[in-house]
PDB file of N, CA and C in Angstrom:
ATOM      1  N   MET A   1     105.086 104.910 117.463  1.00  0.00           N
ATOM      2  CA  MET A   1     104.698 105.029 116.056  1.00  0.00           C
ATOM      3  C   MET A   1     104.244 106.479 115.832  1.00  0.00           C
ATOM      4  N   SER A   2     104.769 107.088 114.760  1.00  0.00           N
ATOM      5  CA  SER A   2     104.514 108.416 114.479  1.00  0.00           C
ATOM      6  C   SER A   2     103.100 108.570 113.946  1.00  0.00           C
ATOM      7  N   ALA A   3     102.598 109.797 114.006  1.00  0.00           N
ATOM      8  CA  ALA A   3     101.284 110.113 113.507  1.00  0.00           C
ATOM      9  C   ALA A   3     101.188 109.856 112.019  1.00  0.00           C
ATOM     10  N   PHE A   4     102.356 110.088 111.294  1.00  0.00           N
ATOM     11  CA  PHE A   4     102.285 109.852 109.855  1.00  0.00           C
ATOM     12  C   PHE A   4     102.168 108.317 109.567  1.00  0.00           C
ATOM     13  N   GLN A   5     102.892 107.487 110.357  1.00  0.00           N
ATOM     14  CA  GLN A   5     102.854 106.035 110.200  1.00  0.00           C
ATOM     15  C   GLN A   5     101.408 105.503 110.519  1.00  0.00           C
ATOM     16  N   ALA A   6     100.801 106.051 111.517  1.00  0.00           N
ATOM     17  CA  ALA A   6      99.396 105.722 111.884  1.00  0.00           C
ATOM     18  C   ALA A   6      98.443 106.038 110.751  1.00  0.00           C
ATOM     19  N   LYS A   7      98.591 107.221 110.131  1.00  0.00           N
ATOM     20  CA  LYS A   7      97.793 107.597 109.015  1.00  0.00           C
ATOM     21  C   LYS A   7      98.008 106.623 107.838  1.00  0.00           C
ATOM     22  N   LEU A   8      99.234 106.334 107.503  1.00  0.00           N
ATOM     23  CA  LEU A   8      99.545 105.407 106.468  1.00  0.00           C
ATOM     24  C   LEU A   8      98.846 104.044 106.676  1.00  0.00           C
ATOM     25  N   GLU A   9      98.937 103.530 107.833  1.00  0.00           N
ATOM     26  CA  GLU A   9      98.285 102.194 108.118  1.00  0.00           C
ATOM     27  C   GLU A   9      96.807 102.368 107.993  1.00  0.00           C
ATOM     28  N   ARG A  10      96.241 103.473 108.395  1.00  0.00           N
ATOM     29  CA  ARG A  10      94.784 103.611 108.330  1.00  0.00           C
ATOM     30  C   ARG A  10      94.353 103.683 106.839  1.00  0.00           C
ATOM     31  N   PHE A  11      95.169 104.476 106.015  1.00  0.00           N
ATOM     32  CA  PHE A  11      94.730 104.591 104.581  1.00  0.00           C
ATOM     33  C   PHE A  11      94.851 103.159 103.942  1.00  0.00           C
ATOM     34  N   GLU A  12      95.842 102.385 104.307  1.00  0.00           N
ATOM     35  CA  GLU A  12      96.052 101.044 103.690  1.00  0.00           C
ATOM     36  C   GLU A  12      94.915 100.129 104.189  1.00  0.00           C
ATOM     37  N   THR A  13      94.451 100.245 105.420  1.00  0.00           N
ATOM     38  CA  THR A  13      93.404  99.397 105.951  1.00  0.00           C
ATOM     39  C   THR A  13      92.080  99.758 105.215  1.00  0.00           C
ATOM     40  N   LEU A  14      91.805 101.078 105.081  1.00  0.00           N
ATOM     41  CA  LEU A  14      90.591 101.548 104.386  1.00  0.00           C
ATOM     42  C   LEU A  14      90.619 101.118 102.961  1.00  0.00           C
ATOM     43  N   ALA A  15      91.755 101.186 102.297  1.00  0.00           N
ATOM     44  CA  ALA A  15      91.807 100.707 100.887  1.00  0.00           C
ATOM     45  C   ALA A  15      91.516  99.218 100.774  1.00  0.00           C
ATOM     46  N   ALA A  16      92.007  98.461 101.647  1.00  0.00           N
ATOM     47  CA  ALA A  16      91.779  97.001 101.598  1.00  0.00           C
ATOM     48  C   ALA A  16      90.324  96.708 101.854  1.00  0.00           C
ATOM     49  N   GLU A  17      89.717  97.390 102.822  1.00  0.00           N
ATOM     50  CA  GLU A  17      88.290  97.154 103.136  1.00  0.00           C
ATOM     51  C   GLU A  17      87.428  97.532 101.936  1.00  0.00           C
ATOM     52  N   CYS A  18      87.708  98.669 101.311  1.00  0.00           N
ATOM     53  CA  CYS A  18      86.977  99.107 100.118  1.00  0.00           C
ATOM     54  C   CYS A  18      87.088  98.049  99.041  1.00  0.00           C
ATOM     55  N   GLU A  19      88.264  97.504  98.782  1.00  0.00           N
ATOM     56  CA  GLU A  19      88.470  96.551  97.750  1.00  0.00           C
ATOM     57  C   GLU A  19      87.693  95.306  98.079  1.00  0.00           C
ATOM     58  N   LEU A  20      87.673  94.886  99.319  1.00  0.00           N
ATOM     59  CA  LEU A  20      86.906  93.714  99.731  1.00  0.00           C
ATOM     60  C   LEU A  20      85.393  93.894  99.454  1.00  0.00           C
ATOM     61  N   ILE A  21      84.956  95.051  99.852  1.00  0.00           N
ATOM     62  CA  ILE A  21      83.552  95.366  99.628  1.00  0.00           C
ATOM     63  C   ILE A  21      83.179  95.392  98.154  1.00  0.00           C
ATOM     64  N   ALA A  22      84.088  95.966  97.402  1.00  0.00           N
ATOM     65  CA  ALA A  22      83.832  96.061  95.864  1.00  0.00           C
ATOM     66  C   ALA A  22      83.841  94.665  95.304  1.00  0.00           C
ATOM     67  N   ASN A  23      84.660  93.779  95.733  1.00  0.00           N
ATOM     68  CA  ASN A  23      84.667  92.374  95.258  1.00  0.00           C
ATOM     69  C   ASN A  23      83.400  91.603  95.537  1.00  0.00           C
ATOM     70  N   ARG A  24      82.720  92.003  96.614  1.00  0.00           N
ATOM     71  CA  ARG A  24      81.510  91.292  97.074  1.00  0.00           C
ATOM     72  C   ARG A  24      80.250  92.007  96.662  1.00  0.00           C
ATOM     73  N   ALA A  25      80.401  93.211  96.098  1.00  0.00           N
ATOM     74  CA  ALA A  25      79.163  94.001  95.775  1.00  0.00           C
ATOM     75  C   ALA A  25      78.443  93.370  94.607  1.00  0.00           C
ATOM     76  N   VAL A  26      77.148  93.306  94.701  1.00  0.00           N
ATOM     77  CA  VAL A  26      76.283  92.834  93.661  1.00  0.00           C
ATOM     78  C   VAL A  26      75.893  93.979  92.676  1.00  0.00           C
ATOM     79  N   ASP A  27      75.598  95.106  93.270  1.00  0.00           N
ATOM     80  CA  ASP A  27      75.169  96.294  92.461  1.00  0.00           C
ATOM     81  C   ASP A  27      76.438  96.891  91.859  1.00  0.00           C
ATOM     82  N   GLY A  28      76.382  97.083  90.519  1.00  0.00           N
ATOM     83  CA  GLY A  28      77.511  97.609  89.725  1.00  0.00           C
ATOM     84  C   GLY A  28      77.932  98.986  90.150  1.00  0.00           C
ATOM     85  N   SER A  29      76.902  99.857  90.403  1.00  0.00           N
ATOM     86  CA  SER A  29      77.273 101.215  90.872  1.00  0.00           C
ATOM     87  C   SER A  29      77.942 101.205  92.168  1.00  0.00           C
ATOM     88  N   LYS A  30      77.577 100.394  93.113  1.00  0.00           N
ATOM     89  CA  LYS A  30      78.194 100.342  94.389  1.00  0.00           C
ATOM     90  C   LYS A  30      79.638  99.784  94.250  1.00  0.00           C
ATOM     91  N   ARG A  31      79.728  98.808  93.410  1.00  0.00           N
ATOM     92  CA  ARG A  31      81.006  98.188  93.135  1.00  0.00           C
ATOM     93  C   ARG A  31      82.026  99.268  92.634  1.00  0.00           C
ATOM     94  N   GLU A  32      81.544  99.999  91.644  1.00  0.00           N
ATOM     95  CA  GLU A  32      82.405 101.100  91.087  1.00  0.00           C
ATOM     96  C   GLU A  32      82.755 102.154  92.153  1.00  0.00           C
ATOM     97  N   LEU A  33      81.750 102.476  92.975  1.00  0.00           N
ATOM     98  CA  LEU A  33      82.101 103.402  94.047  1.00  0.00           C
ATOM     99  C   LEU A  33      83.174 102.978  94.952  1.00  0.00           C
ATOM    100  N   TYR A  34      83.121 101.708  95.392  1.00  0.00           N
ATOM    101  CA  TYR A  34      84.125 101.205  96.308  1.00  0.00           C
ATOM    102  C   TYR A  34      85.436 100.915  95.610  1.00  0.00           C
ATOM    103  N   VAL A  35      85.424 100.599  94.303  1.00  0.00           N
ATOM    104  CA  VAL A  35      86.697 100.541  93.581  1.00  0.00           C
ATOM    105  C   VAL A  35      87.423 101.903  93.516  1.00  0.00           C
ATOM    106  N   ARG A  36      86.615 102.926  93.187  1.00  0.00           N
ATOM    107  CA  ARG A  36      87.206 104.258  93.142  1.00  0.00           C
ATOM    108  C   ARG A  36      87.654 104.755  94.518  1.00  0.00           C
ATOM    109  N   LEU A  37      86.883 104.480  95.542  1.00  0.00           N
ATOM    110  CA  LEU A  37      87.207 104.854  96.918  1.00  0.00           C
ATOM    111  C   LEU A  37      88.528 104.142  97.350  1.00  0.00           C
ATOM    112  N   GLY A  38      88.608 102.852  97.038  1.00  0.00           N
ATOM    113  CA  GLY A  38      89.827 102.070  97.372  1.00  0.00           C
ATOM    114  C   GLY A  38      91.053 102.613  96.682  1.00  0.00           C
ATOM    115  N   ALA A  39      90.884 103.018  95.427  1.00  0.00           N
ATOM    116  CA  ALA A  39      91.988 103.598  94.649  1.00  0.00           C
ATOM    117  C   ALA A  39      92.437 104.914  95.277  1.00  0.00           C
ATOM    118  N   ARG A  40      91.438 105.687  95.702  1.00  0.00           N
ATOM    119  CA  ARG A  40      91.812 106.995  96.343  1.00  0.00           C
ATOM    120  C   ARG A  40      92.576 106.799  97.628  1.00  0.00           C
ATOM    121  N   TYR A  41      92.141 105.848  98.430  1.00  0.00           N
ATOM    122  CA  TYR A  41      92.888 105.523  99.661  1.00  0.00           C
ATOM    123  C   TYR A  41      94.318 105.024  99.358  1.00  0.00           C
ATOM    124  N   ARG A  42      94.442 104.315  98.272  1.00  0.00           N
ATOM    125  CA  ARG A  42      95.783 103.827  97.850  1.00  0.00           C
ATOM    126  C   ARG A  42      96.687 104.991  97.503  1.00  0.00           C
ATOM    127  N   GLU A  43      96.061 106.011  96.763  1.00  0.00           N
ATOM    128  CA  GLU A  43      96.829 107.245  96.460  1.00  0.00           C
ATOM    129  C   GLU A  43      97.269 107.973  97.729  1.00  0.00           C
ATOM    130  N   LEU A  44      96.321 108.098  98.728  1.00  0.00           N
ATOM    131  CA  LEU A  44      96.650 108.764  99.922  1.00  0.00           C
ATOM    132  C   LEU A  44      97.756 108.037 100.632  1.00  0.00           C
ATOM    133  N   ALA A  45      97.751 106.699 100.615  1.00  0.00           N
ATOM    134  CA  ALA A  45      98.751 105.932 101.324  1.00  0.00           C
ATOM    135  C   ALA A  45     100.106 106.164 100.642  1.00  0.00           C
ATOM    136  N   SER A  46     100.123 106.226  99.334  1.00  0.00           N
ATOM    137  CA  SER A  46     101.325 106.517  98.578  1.00  0.00           C
ATOM    138  C   SER A  46     101.846 107.929  98.883  1.00  0.00           C
ATOM    139  N   ASP A  47     100.947 108.865  98.916  1.00  0.00           N
ATOM    140  CA  ASP A  47     101.364 110.229  99.317  1.00  0.00           C
ATOM    141  C   ASP A  47     101.966 110.277 100.717  1.00  0.00           C
ATOM    142  N   MET A  48     101.376 109.522 101.612  1.00  0.00           N
ATOM    143  CA  MET A  48     101.845 109.496 102.972  1.00  0.00           C
ATOM    144  C   MET A  48     103.236 108.868 103.122  1.00  0.00           C
ATOM    145  N   ARG A  49     103.485 107.814 102.233  1.00  0.00           N
ATOM    146  CA  ARG A  49     104.817 107.195 102.160  1.00  0.00           C
ATOM    147  C   ARG A  49     105.868 108.237 101.747  1.00  0.00           C
ATOM    148  N   THR A  50     105.494 109.069 100.823  1.00  0.00           N
ATOM    149  CA  THR A  50     106.354 110.139 100.346  1.00  0.00           C
ATOM    150  C   THR A  50     106.652 111.122 101.444  1.00  0.00           C
ATOM    151  N   VAL A  51     105.653 111.513 102.210  1.00  0.00           N
ATOM    152  CA  VAL A  51     105.809 112.424 103.317  1.00  0.00           C
ATOM    153  C   VAL A  51     106.741 111.808 104.334  1.00  0.00           C
ATOM    154  N   ILE A  52     106.528 110.506 104.660  1.00  0.00           N
ATOM    155  CA  ILE A  52     107.414 109.870 105.668  1.00  0.00           C
ATOM    156  C   ILE A  52     108.804 109.840 105.214  1.00  0.00           C
ATOM    157  N   ALA A  53     109.049 109.508 103.967  1.00  0.00           N
ATOM    158  CA  ALA A  53     110.417 109.422 103.360  1.00  0.00           C
ATOM    159  C   ALA A  53     111.062 110.806 103.416  1.00  0.00           C
ATOM    160  N   THR A  54     110.286 111.846 103.093  1.00  0.00           N
ATOM    161  CA  THR A  54     110.824 113.226 103.077  1.00  0.00           C
ATOM    162  C   THR A  54     111.214 113.677 104.538  1.00  0.00           C
ATOM    163  N   VAL A  55     110.358 113.365 105.482  1.00  0.00           N
ATOM    164  CA  VAL A  55     110.624 113.676 106.894  1.00  0.00           C
ATOM    165  C   VAL A  55     111.874 112.953 107.374  1.00  0.00           C
ATOM    166  N   ASP A  56     111.944 111.637 107.052  1.00  0.00           N
ATOM    167  CA  ASP A  56     113.130 110.817 107.470  1.00  0.00           C
ATOM    168  C   ASP A  56     114.374 111.387 106.868  1.00  0.00           C
ATOM    169  N   ALA A  57     114.289 111.758 105.566  1.00  0.00           N
ATOM    170  CA  ALA A  57     115.568 112.320 104.929  1.00  0.00           C
ATOM    171  C   ALA A  57     115.988 113.618 105.503  1.00  0.00           C
ATOM    172  N   ALA A  58     114.945 114.384 105.951  1.00  0.00           N
ATOM    173  CA  ALA A  58     115.355 115.683 106.569  1.00  0.00           C
ATOM    174  C   ALA A  58     115.898 115.568 107.943  1.00  0.00           C
ATOM    175  N   ALA A  59     115.670 114.452 108.654  1.00  0.00           N
ATOM    176  CA  ALA A  59     116.115 114.334 110.017  1.00  0.00           C
ATOM    177  C   ALA A  59     117.552 114.015 110.204  1.00  0.00           C
TER     178      ALA A  59
END
């Protein structure tokens, strides 16, 4: 597994964990924090997919 693939999986895992926490949060501000954090990790995962596709295309 490449380092890029490992990062992608980590970002996806973190996003899912944040979404799970957000769904269970009672405090509205903490819920919003974890929703935003999960969305950011999803963005990073998307960016990492782009990097992987670019590297694969260049190879």
